[in-house]
Amino acid sequence: MPQLNSDAIILDMKATTKDGALRELAGLAATQCGRFTEEVLYQILLEREAVGSTGVGNGVAIPHGKIEGLDQILLCFGRSRAGIDFNAIDKRDAYLFMLMISPAGKGGEYLQTLARVSRILKKSRNRQLLFDYPTREEIVTLFASEDNASK
């Protein structure tokens, strides 16, 4: 799975709406890849949300999309202490956000990464730790160790 970097994590998101959350995460992703603007990445995420909400329930949202011209899958993580109404399937607010932007031609790796992220976030213990951890490094370590444990 592509690695989550500590500089691709927002410990306390400022957004209070779904739209704001998508913009904030797109802005973070733009700083990580350097090739696309916040607006371009935001539009990719909006197009995917139009298909159906990526609020998967249990306080988790996994906004994702594909774009031409990206070299590798990009992961960003955001946490909202207050929670954001993300039109989740269970109608509960989302607190943990894993953004995934993939190169258009990497369908298999894209689905594998999405499955791994989902598996990690499905565990209630992991969700609690991700909500509680005070540092970016602990969040990076959790994803890396859980990813290795699932191999």
N, C-alpha and C. Protein backbone atom coordinates (compact mmCIF):
# COMPACT_ATOMS: atom_id res chain seq x y z
N MET A 1 0.85 -1.19 0.00
CA MET A 1 0.00 0.00 0.00
C MET A 1 0.88 1.24 0.00
N PRO A 2 0.47 2.25 -0.72
CA PRO A 2 1.23 3.50 -0.67
C PRO A 2 1.32 3.98 0.79
N GLN A 3 2.42 4.60 1.12
CA GLN A 3 2.63 5.05 2.49
C GLN A 3 1.93 6.38 2.75
N LEU A 4 1.44 6.53 3.95
CA LEU A 4 0.89 7.80 4.42
C LEU A 4 2.06 8.55 5.06
N ASN A 5 2.31 9.77 4.61
CA ASN A 5 3.40 10.58 5.17
C ASN A 5 2.86 11.50 6.26
N SER A 6 3.71 11.80 7.25
CA SER A 6 3.25 12.62 8.37
C SER A 6 2.84 14.03 7.93
N ASP A 7 3.44 14.53 6.84
CA ASP A 7 3.05 15.87 6.38
C ASP A 7 1.78 15.84 5.54
N ALA A 8 1.17 14.66 5.39
CA ALA A 8 -0.10 14.52 4.66
C ALA A 8 -1.24 14.26 5.64
N ILE A 9 -1.10 14.78 6.86
CA ILE A 9 -2.09 14.56 7.91
C ILE A 9 -2.54 15.89 8.50
N ILE A 10 -3.84 16.06 8.63
CA ILE A 10 -4.40 17.22 9.35
C ILE A 10 -4.97 16.67 10.66
N LEU A 11 -4.37 17.06 11.77
CA LEU A 11 -4.81 16.55 13.07
C LEU A 11 -6.13 17.16 13.52
N ASP A 12 -6.40 18.39 13.10
CA ASP A 12 -7.63 19.05 13.53
C ASP A 12 -8.19 19.87 12.37
N MET A 13 -9.05 19.23 11.59
CA MET A 13 -9.61 19.90 10.42
C MET A 13 -10.45 21.10 10.85
N LYS A 14 -10.41 22.15 10.02
CA LYS A 14 -11.18 23.36 10.30
C LYS A 14 -12.58 23.29 9.70
N ALA A 15 -12.74 22.46 8.70
CA ALA A 15 -14.01 22.38 7.97
C ALA A 15 -15.16 21.98 8.90
N THR A 16 -16.35 22.49 8.58
CA THR A 16 -17.55 22.13 9.35
C THR A 16 -18.62 21.52 8.44
N THR A 17 -18.36 21.51 7.12
CA THR A 17 -19.31 20.95 6.16
C THR A 17 -18.60 19.94 5.27
N LYS A 18 -19.39 19.12 4.59
CA LYS A 18 -18.83 18.14 3.66
C LYS A 18 -18.01 18.84 2.58
N ASP A 19 -18.58 19.89 2.01
CA ASP A 19 -17.90 20.64 0.96
C ASP A 19 -16.57 21.22 1.48
N GLY A 20 -16.62 21.77 2.69
CA GLY A 20 -15.42 22.33 3.29
C GLY A 20 -14.37 21.26 3.54
N ALA A 21 -14.81 20.08 3.97
CA ALA A 21 -13.88 18.98 4.22
C ALA A 21 -13.21 18.54 2.92
N LEU A 22 -13.99 18.43 1.85
CA LEU A 22 -13.41 18.04 0.56
C LEU A 22 -12.39 19.08 0.09
N ARG A 23 -12.71 20.35 0.27
CA ARG A 23 -11.78 21.42 -0.12
C ARG A 23 -10.50 21.38 0.72
N GLU A 24 -10.66 21.19 2.03
CA GLU A 24 -9.49 21.16 2.92
C GLU A 24 -8.58 19.99 2.57
N LEU A 25 -9.17 18.83 2.34
CA LEU A 25 -8.38 17.65 1.97
C LEU A 25 -7.75 17.81 0.58
N ALA A 26 -8.48 18.41 -0.35
CA ALA A 26 -7.93 18.65 -1.69
C ALA A 26 -6.75 19.62 -1.61
N GLY A 27 -6.85 20.60 -0.73
CA GLY A 27 -5.74 21.55 -0.54
C GLY A 27 -4.50 20.86 -0.01
N LEU A 28 -4.70 19.97 0.95
CA LEU A 28 -3.59 19.20 1.50
C LEU A 28 -2.98 18.31 0.41
N ALA A 29 -3.83 17.64 -0.35
CA ALA A 29 -3.35 16.75 -1.42
C ALA A 29 -2.56 17.54 -2.47
N ALA A 30 -3.01 18.76 -2.77
CA ALA A 30 -2.31 19.60 -3.75
C ALA A 30 -0.89 19.92 -3.28
N THR A 31 -0.72 20.14 -1.98
CA THR A 31 0.63 20.42 -1.47
C THR A 31 1.51 19.17 -1.52
N GLN A 32 0.89 18.00 -1.47
CA GLN A 32 1.64 16.74 -1.48
C GLN A 32 2.12 16.34 -2.86
N CYS A 33 1.26 16.53 -3.86
CA CYS A 33 1.65 16.06 -5.20
C CYS A 33 2.30 17.16 -6.02
N GLY A 34 1.96 18.42 -5.74
CA GLY A 34 2.61 19.53 -6.42
C GLY A 34 2.25 19.71 -7.89
N ARG A 35 1.51 18.79 -8.47
CA ARG A 35 1.20 18.87 -9.90
C ARG A 35 -0.18 19.41 -10.18
N PHE A 36 -1.05 19.35 -9.19
CA PHE A 36 -2.43 19.75 -9.40
C PHE A 36 -2.85 20.76 -8.35
N THR A 37 -3.74 21.66 -8.73
CA THR A 37 -4.22 22.66 -7.78
C THR A 37 -5.30 22.07 -6.89
N GLU A 38 -5.55 22.75 -5.81
CA GLU A 38 -6.63 22.36 -4.91
C GLU A 38 -7.94 22.25 -5.69
N GLU A 39 -8.19 23.21 -6.58
CA GLU A 39 -9.45 23.24 -7.32
C GLU A 39 -9.61 22.02 -8.22
N VAL A 40 -8.55 21.62 -8.91
CA VAL A 40 -8.60 20.45 -9.79
C VAL A 40 -8.91 19.18 -8.97
N LEU A 41 -8.21 19.02 -7.86
CA LEU A 41 -8.43 17.83 -7.03
C LEU A 41 -9.81 17.86 -6.37
N TYR A 42 -10.25 19.04 -5.97
CA TYR A 42 -11.58 19.19 -5.39
C TYR A 42 -12.66 18.75 -6.39
N GLN A 43 -12.49 19.14 -7.66
CA GLN A 43 -13.46 18.75 -8.69
C GLN A 43 -13.50 17.24 -8.89
N ILE A 44 -12.33 16.59 -8.83
CA ILE A 44 -12.25 15.12 -8.94
C ILE A 44 -13.06 14.48 -7.81
N LEU A 45 -12.88 15.00 -6.59
CA LEU A 45 -13.60 14.46 -5.43
C LEU A 45 -15.10 14.71 -5.55
N LEU A 46 -15.47 15.89 -6.02
CA LEU A 46 -16.90 16.21 -6.18
C LEU A 46 -17.56 15.28 -7.19
N GLU A 47 -16.85 15.00 -8.29
CA GLU A 47 -17.40 14.09 -9.31
C GLU A 47 -17.67 12.72 -8.70
N ARG A 48 -16.75 12.23 -7.86
CA ARG A 48 -16.94 10.93 -7.23
C ARG A 48 -18.09 10.98 -6.22
N GLU A 49 -18.20 12.07 -5.46
CA GLU A 49 -19.29 12.20 -4.48
C GLU A 49 -20.65 12.25 -5.16
N ALA A 50 -20.69 12.75 -6.39
CA ALA A 50 -21.95 12.82 -7.15
C ALA A 50 -22.49 11.42 -7.44
N VAL A 51 -21.60 10.43 -7.53
CA VAL A 51 -21.98 9.04 -7.75
C VAL A 51 -22.62 8.46 -6.49
N GLY A 52 -22.11 8.88 -5.34
CA GLY A 52 -22.61 8.42 -4.05
C GLY A 52 -21.63 8.84 -2.97
N SER A 53 -22.12 9.09 -1.78
CA SER A 53 -21.26 9.57 -0.71
C SER A 53 -20.18 8.54 -0.36
N THR A 54 -18.99 9.05 -0.07
CA THR A 54 -17.90 8.18 0.38
C THR A 54 -17.85 8.14 1.91
N GLY A 55 -18.91 8.60 2.55
CA GLY A 55 -19.06 8.44 3.99
C GLY A 55 -19.47 7.00 4.25
N VAL A 56 -18.53 6.18 4.70
CA VAL A 56 -18.77 4.73 4.79
C VAL A 56 -19.39 4.29 6.11
N GLY A 57 -19.57 5.23 7.04
CA GLY A 57 -20.17 4.90 8.32
C GLY A 57 -19.15 4.74 9.43
N ASN A 58 -19.65 4.58 10.65
CA ASN A 58 -18.79 4.44 11.83
C ASN A 58 -17.83 5.62 12.00
N GLY A 59 -18.27 6.81 11.57
CA GLY A 59 -17.44 8.00 11.73
C GLY A 59 -16.32 8.14 10.72
N VAL A 60 -16.40 7.39 9.63
CA VAL A 60 -15.32 7.36 8.64
C VAL A 60 -15.83 7.79 7.25
N ALA A 61 -14.98 8.55 6.55
CA ALA A 61 -15.23 8.86 5.14
C ALA A 61 -13.93 8.61 4.38
N ILE A 62 -14.07 8.06 3.18
CA ILE A 62 -12.90 7.76 2.35
C ILE A 62 -13.10 8.41 0.98
N PRO A 63 -13.02 9.76 0.92
CA PRO A 63 -13.16 10.42 -0.38
C PRO A 63 -12.02 9.99 -1.29
N HIS A 64 -12.36 9.69 -2.54
CA HIS A 64 -11.33 9.22 -3.46
C HIS A 64 -11.70 9.57 -4.90
N GLY A 65 -10.70 9.49 -5.76
CA GLY A 65 -10.91 9.76 -7.17
C GLY A 65 -9.68 9.41 -7.97
N LYS A 66 -9.83 9.48 -9.29
CA LYS A 66 -8.73 9.17 -10.20
C LYS A 66 -8.44 10.37 -11.08
N ILE A 67 -7.16 10.51 -11.45
CA ILE A 67 -6.76 11.63 -12.29
C ILE A 67 -5.62 11.20 -13.22
N GLU A 68 -5.65 11.71 -14.43
CA GLU A 68 -4.56 11.47 -15.39
C GLU A 68 -3.35 12.31 -14.96
N GLY A 69 -2.15 11.75 -15.15
CA GLY A 69 -0.95 12.54 -14.94
C GLY A 69 -0.35 12.46 -13.55
N LEU A 70 -0.91 11.63 -12.70
CA LEU A 70 -0.35 11.42 -11.37
C LEU A 70 0.54 10.18 -11.44
N ASP A 71 1.69 10.21 -10.76
CA ASP A 71 2.63 9.09 -10.83
C ASP A 71 2.24 7.91 -9.95
N GLN A 72 1.77 8.21 -8.74
CA GLN A 72 1.44 7.14 -7.80
C GLN A 72 0.26 7.54 -6.94
N ILE A 73 -0.31 6.56 -6.26
CA ILE A 73 -1.46 6.82 -5.39
C ILE A 73 -1.04 7.73 -4.24
N LEU A 74 -1.87 8.72 -4.00
CA LEU A 74 -1.61 9.70 -2.95
C LEU A 74 -2.62 9.51 -1.82
N LEU A 75 -2.12 9.39 -0.60
CA LEU A 75 -2.97 9.25 0.58
C LEU A 75 -2.81 10.47 1.49
N CYS A 76 -3.93 10.98 1.99
CA CYS A 76 -3.93 12.05 2.99
C CYS A 76 -4.96 11.68 4.05
N PHE A 77 -4.67 12.06 5.28
CA PHE A 77 -5.56 11.74 6.39
C PHE A 77 -5.96 13.03 7.09
N GLY A 78 -7.24 13.11 7.44
CA GLY A 78 -7.72 14.27 8.20
C GLY A 78 -8.60 13.80 9.35
N ARG A 79 -8.59 14.59 10.42
CA ARG A 79 -9.41 14.27 11.58
C ARG A 79 -10.18 15.51 12.00
N SER A 80 -11.45 15.31 12.24
CA SER A 80 -12.31 16.39 12.72
C SER A 80 -12.77 16.04 14.12
N ARG A 81 -12.41 16.85 15.08
CA ARG A 81 -12.83 16.60 16.46
C ARG A 81 -14.34 16.78 16.63
N ALA A 82 -14.90 17.74 15.89
CA ALA A 82 -16.33 18.06 16.04
C ALA A 82 -17.23 17.12 15.24
N GLY A 83 -16.69 16.53 14.19
CA GLY A 83 -17.50 15.70 13.30
C GLY A 83 -18.14 16.53 12.20
N ILE A 84 -18.32 15.90 11.04
CA ILE A 84 -18.88 16.58 9.87
C ILE A 84 -19.94 15.69 9.26
N ASP A 85 -21.08 16.29 8.95
CA ASP A 85 -22.14 15.55 8.26
C ASP A 85 -21.66 15.27 6.84
N PHE A 86 -21.38 14.01 6.55
CA PHE A 86 -20.81 13.62 5.25
C PHE A 86 -21.78 12.75 4.46
N ASN A 87 -23.08 12.82 4.79
CA ASN A 87 -24.09 11.98 4.13
C ASN A 87 -23.70 10.50 4.20
N ALA A 88 -23.20 10.09 5.35
CA ALA A 88 -22.74 8.71 5.51
C ALA A 88 -23.92 7.74 5.47
N ILE A 89 -23.63 6.50 5.13
CA ILE A 89 -24.70 5.50 5.01
C ILE A 89 -25.42 5.26 6.32
N ASP A 90 -24.72 5.46 7.45
CA ASP A 90 -25.38 5.26 8.75
C ASP A 90 -25.92 6.57 9.34
N LYS A 91 -25.87 7.64 8.55
CA LYS A 91 -26.41 8.96 8.93
C LYS A 91 -25.66 9.63 10.08
N ARG A 92 -24.51 9.05 10.48
CA ARG A 92 -23.72 9.65 11.56
C ARG A 92 -22.61 10.52 10.99
N ASP A 93 -22.15 11.48 11.79
CA ASP A 93 -21.07 12.36 11.35
C ASP A 93 -19.78 11.57 11.13
N ALA A 94 -18.92 12.12 10.26
CA ALA A 94 -17.60 11.54 10.03
C ALA A 94 -16.56 12.34 10.82
N TYR A 95 -15.62 11.63 11.42
CA TYR A 95 -14.54 12.23 12.20
C TYR A 95 -13.17 11.93 11.60
N LEU A 96 -13.08 10.81 10.89
CA LEU A 96 -11.82 10.36 10.30
C LEU A 96 -11.97 10.31 8.79
N PHE A 97 -11.02 10.93 8.10
CA PHE A 97 -11.07 11.04 6.64
C PHE A 97 -9.78 10.52 6.04
N MET A 98 -9.89 9.56 5.13
CA MET A 98 -8.72 9.10 4.40
C MET A 98 -8.97 9.43 2.93
N LEU A 99 -8.23 10.41 2.45
CA LEU A 99 -8.34 10.83 1.05
C LEU A 99 -7.40 9.99 0.20
N MET A 100 -7.90 9.55 -0.94
CA MET A 100 -7.08 8.76 -1.84
C MET A 100 -7.26 9.28 -3.26
N ILE A 101 -6.16 9.71 -3.88
CA ILE A 101 -6.18 10.13 -5.28
C ILE A 101 -5.26 9.17 -6.03
N SER A 102 -5.78 8.59 -7.10
CA SER A 102 -5.03 7.58 -7.83
C SER A 102 -4.78 7.98 -9.28
N PRO A 103 -3.66 7.54 -9.84
CA PRO A 103 -3.47 7.71 -11.29
C PRO A 103 -4.59 6.96 -12.01
N ALA A 104 -5.08 7.51 -13.10
CA ALA A 104 -6.21 6.91 -13.82
C ALA A 104 -5.93 5.48 -14.27
N GLY A 105 -4.69 5.16 -14.59
CA GLY A 105 -4.38 3.84 -15.14
C GLY A 105 -4.07 2.75 -14.12
N LYS A 106 -4.21 3.03 -12.84
CA LYS A 106 -3.83 2.04 -11.83
C LYS A 106 -5.05 1.45 -11.13
N GLY A 107 -5.99 0.94 -11.90
CA GLY A 107 -7.23 0.41 -11.35
C GLY A 107 -7.06 -0.67 -10.30
N GLY A 108 -6.18 -1.64 -10.56
CA GLY A 108 -5.99 -2.74 -9.62
C GLY A 108 -5.39 -2.28 -8.31
N GLU A 109 -4.33 -1.47 -8.39
CA GLU A 109 -3.68 -0.96 -7.19
C GLU A 109 -4.64 -0.04 -6.42
N TYR A 110 -5.44 0.71 -7.15
CA TYR A 110 -6.44 1.61 -6.56
C TYR A 110 -7.43 0.83 -5.71
N LEU A 111 -7.97 -0.25 -6.28
CA LEU A 111 -8.94 -1.07 -5.54
C LEU A 111 -8.30 -1.78 -4.35
N GLN A 112 -7.07 -2.25 -4.52
CA GLN A 112 -6.35 -2.91 -3.41
C GLN A 112 -6.12 -1.93 -2.26
N THR A 113 -5.70 -0.72 -2.60
CA THR A 113 -5.43 0.29 -1.57
C THR A 113 -6.72 0.68 -0.86
N LEU A 114 -7.78 0.85 -1.62
CA LEU A 114 -9.08 1.18 -1.04
C LEU A 114 -9.54 0.08 -0.08
N ALA A 115 -9.33 -1.17 -0.47
CA ALA A 115 -9.71 -2.31 0.37
C ALA A 115 -8.88 -2.33 1.66
N ARG A 116 -7.57 -2.06 1.55
CA ARG A 116 -6.70 -2.07 2.74
C ARG A 116 -7.08 -0.95 3.70
N VAL A 117 -7.29 0.25 3.16
CA VAL A 117 -7.70 1.39 4.00
C VAL A 117 -9.01 1.06 4.70
N SER A 118 -9.95 0.49 3.96
CA SER A 118 -11.25 0.13 4.55
C SER A 118 -11.09 -0.88 5.67
N ARG A 119 -10.23 -1.88 5.45
CA ARG A 119 -10.00 -2.92 6.45
C ARG A 119 -9.42 -2.32 7.74
N ILE A 120 -8.47 -1.40 7.60
CA ILE A 120 -7.85 -0.76 8.76
C ILE A 120 -8.89 0.06 9.52
N LEU A 121 -9.70 0.82 8.78
CA LEU A 121 -10.67 1.72 9.41
C LEU A 121 -11.93 1.00 9.89
N LYS A 122 -12.09 -0.24 9.51
CA LYS A 122 -13.26 -1.02 9.95
C LYS A 122 -13.12 -1.43 11.41
N LYS A 123 -11.87 -1.56 11.89
CA LYS A 123 -11.64 -1.99 13.27
C LYS A 123 -11.91 -0.84 14.24
N SER A 124 -12.81 -1.06 15.19
CA SER A 124 -13.17 0.01 16.12
C SER A 124 -11.97 0.47 16.95
N ARG A 125 -11.09 -0.46 17.29
CA ARG A 125 -9.89 -0.08 18.06
C ARG A 125 -9.03 0.91 17.27
N ASN A 126 -8.85 0.65 15.98
CA ASN A 126 -8.05 1.56 15.14
C ASN A 126 -8.71 2.93 15.05
N ARG A 127 -10.04 2.93 14.88
CA ARG A 127 -10.74 4.22 14.79
C ARG A 127 -10.55 5.03 16.08
N GLN A 128 -10.64 4.35 17.22
CA GLN A 128 -10.46 5.04 18.50
C GLN A 128 -9.05 5.59 18.63
N LEU A 129 -8.05 4.78 18.28
CA LEU A 129 -6.66 5.24 18.35
C LEU A 129 -6.42 6.43 17.42
N LEU A 130 -6.95 6.35 16.21
CA LEU A 130 -6.76 7.44 15.25
C LEU A 130 -7.41 8.73 15.74
N PHE A 131 -8.51 8.58 16.45
CA PHE A 131 -9.19 9.76 17.00
C PHE A 131 -8.38 10.33 18.17
N ASP A 132 -7.77 9.46 18.95
CA ASP A 132 -7.08 9.87 20.18
C ASP A 132 -5.62 10.28 20.01
N TYR A 133 -4.93 9.70 19.06
CA TYR A 133 -3.49 9.96 18.92
C TYR A 133 -3.18 11.46 18.83
N PRO A 134 -2.22 11.93 19.64
CA PRO A 134 -1.87 13.36 19.59
C PRO A 134 -0.88 13.72 18.48
N THR A 135 -0.18 12.74 17.90
CA THR A 135 0.85 13.09 16.90
C THR A 135 0.60 12.43 15.55
N ARG A 136 1.12 13.08 14.52
CA ARG A 136 1.05 12.55 13.15
C ARG A 136 1.82 11.23 13.05
N GLU A 137 2.95 11.16 13.74
CA GLU A 137 3.81 9.97 13.66
C GLU A 137 3.08 8.72 14.14
N GLU A 138 2.27 8.86 15.20
CA GLU A 138 1.52 7.71 15.69
C GLU A 138 0.50 7.23 14.65
N ILE A 139 -0.10 8.17 13.96
CA ILE A 139 -1.07 7.84 12.91
C ILE A 139 -0.38 7.11 11.76
N VAL A 140 0.77 7.63 11.34
CA VAL A 140 1.56 6.99 10.28
C VAL A 140 1.93 5.57 10.69
N THR A 141 2.38 5.40 11.92
CA THR A 141 2.79 4.09 12.43
C THR A 141 1.62 3.12 12.46
N LEU A 142 0.46 3.58 12.87
CA LEU A 142 -0.71 2.69 12.91
C LEU A 142 -1.02 2.16 11.50
N PHE A 143 -1.07 3.05 10.52
CA PHE A 143 -1.37 2.59 9.15
C PHE A 143 -0.30 1.65 8.63
N ALA A 144 0.96 1.96 8.90
CA ALA A 144 2.06 1.11 8.43
C ALA A 144 2.03 -0.26 9.11
N SER A 145 1.81 -0.30 10.43
CA SER A 145 1.83 -1.58 11.13
C SER A 145 0.60 -2.42 10.79
N GLU A 146 -0.56 -1.79 10.66
CA GLU A 146 -1.77 -2.52 10.29
C GLU A 146 -1.65 -3.06 8.86
N ASP A 147 -1.02 -2.27 8.00
CA ASP A 147 -0.83 -2.70 6.62
C ASP A 147 0.08 -3.93 6.58
N ASN A 148 1.15 -3.91 7.37
CA ASN A 148 2.06 -5.06 7.42
C ASN A 148 1.40 -6.27 8.05
N ALA A 149 0.54 -6.04 9.03
CA ALA A 149 -0.14 -7.14 9.71
C ALA A 149 -1.12 -7.88 8.79
N SER A 150 -1.63 -7.16 7.78
CA SER A 150 -2.64 -7.77 6.90
C SER A 150 -2.01 -8.54 5.75
N LYS A 151 -0.67 -8.54 5.66
CA LYS A 151 -0.01 -9.25 4.55
C LYS A 151 0.20 -10.70 4.87
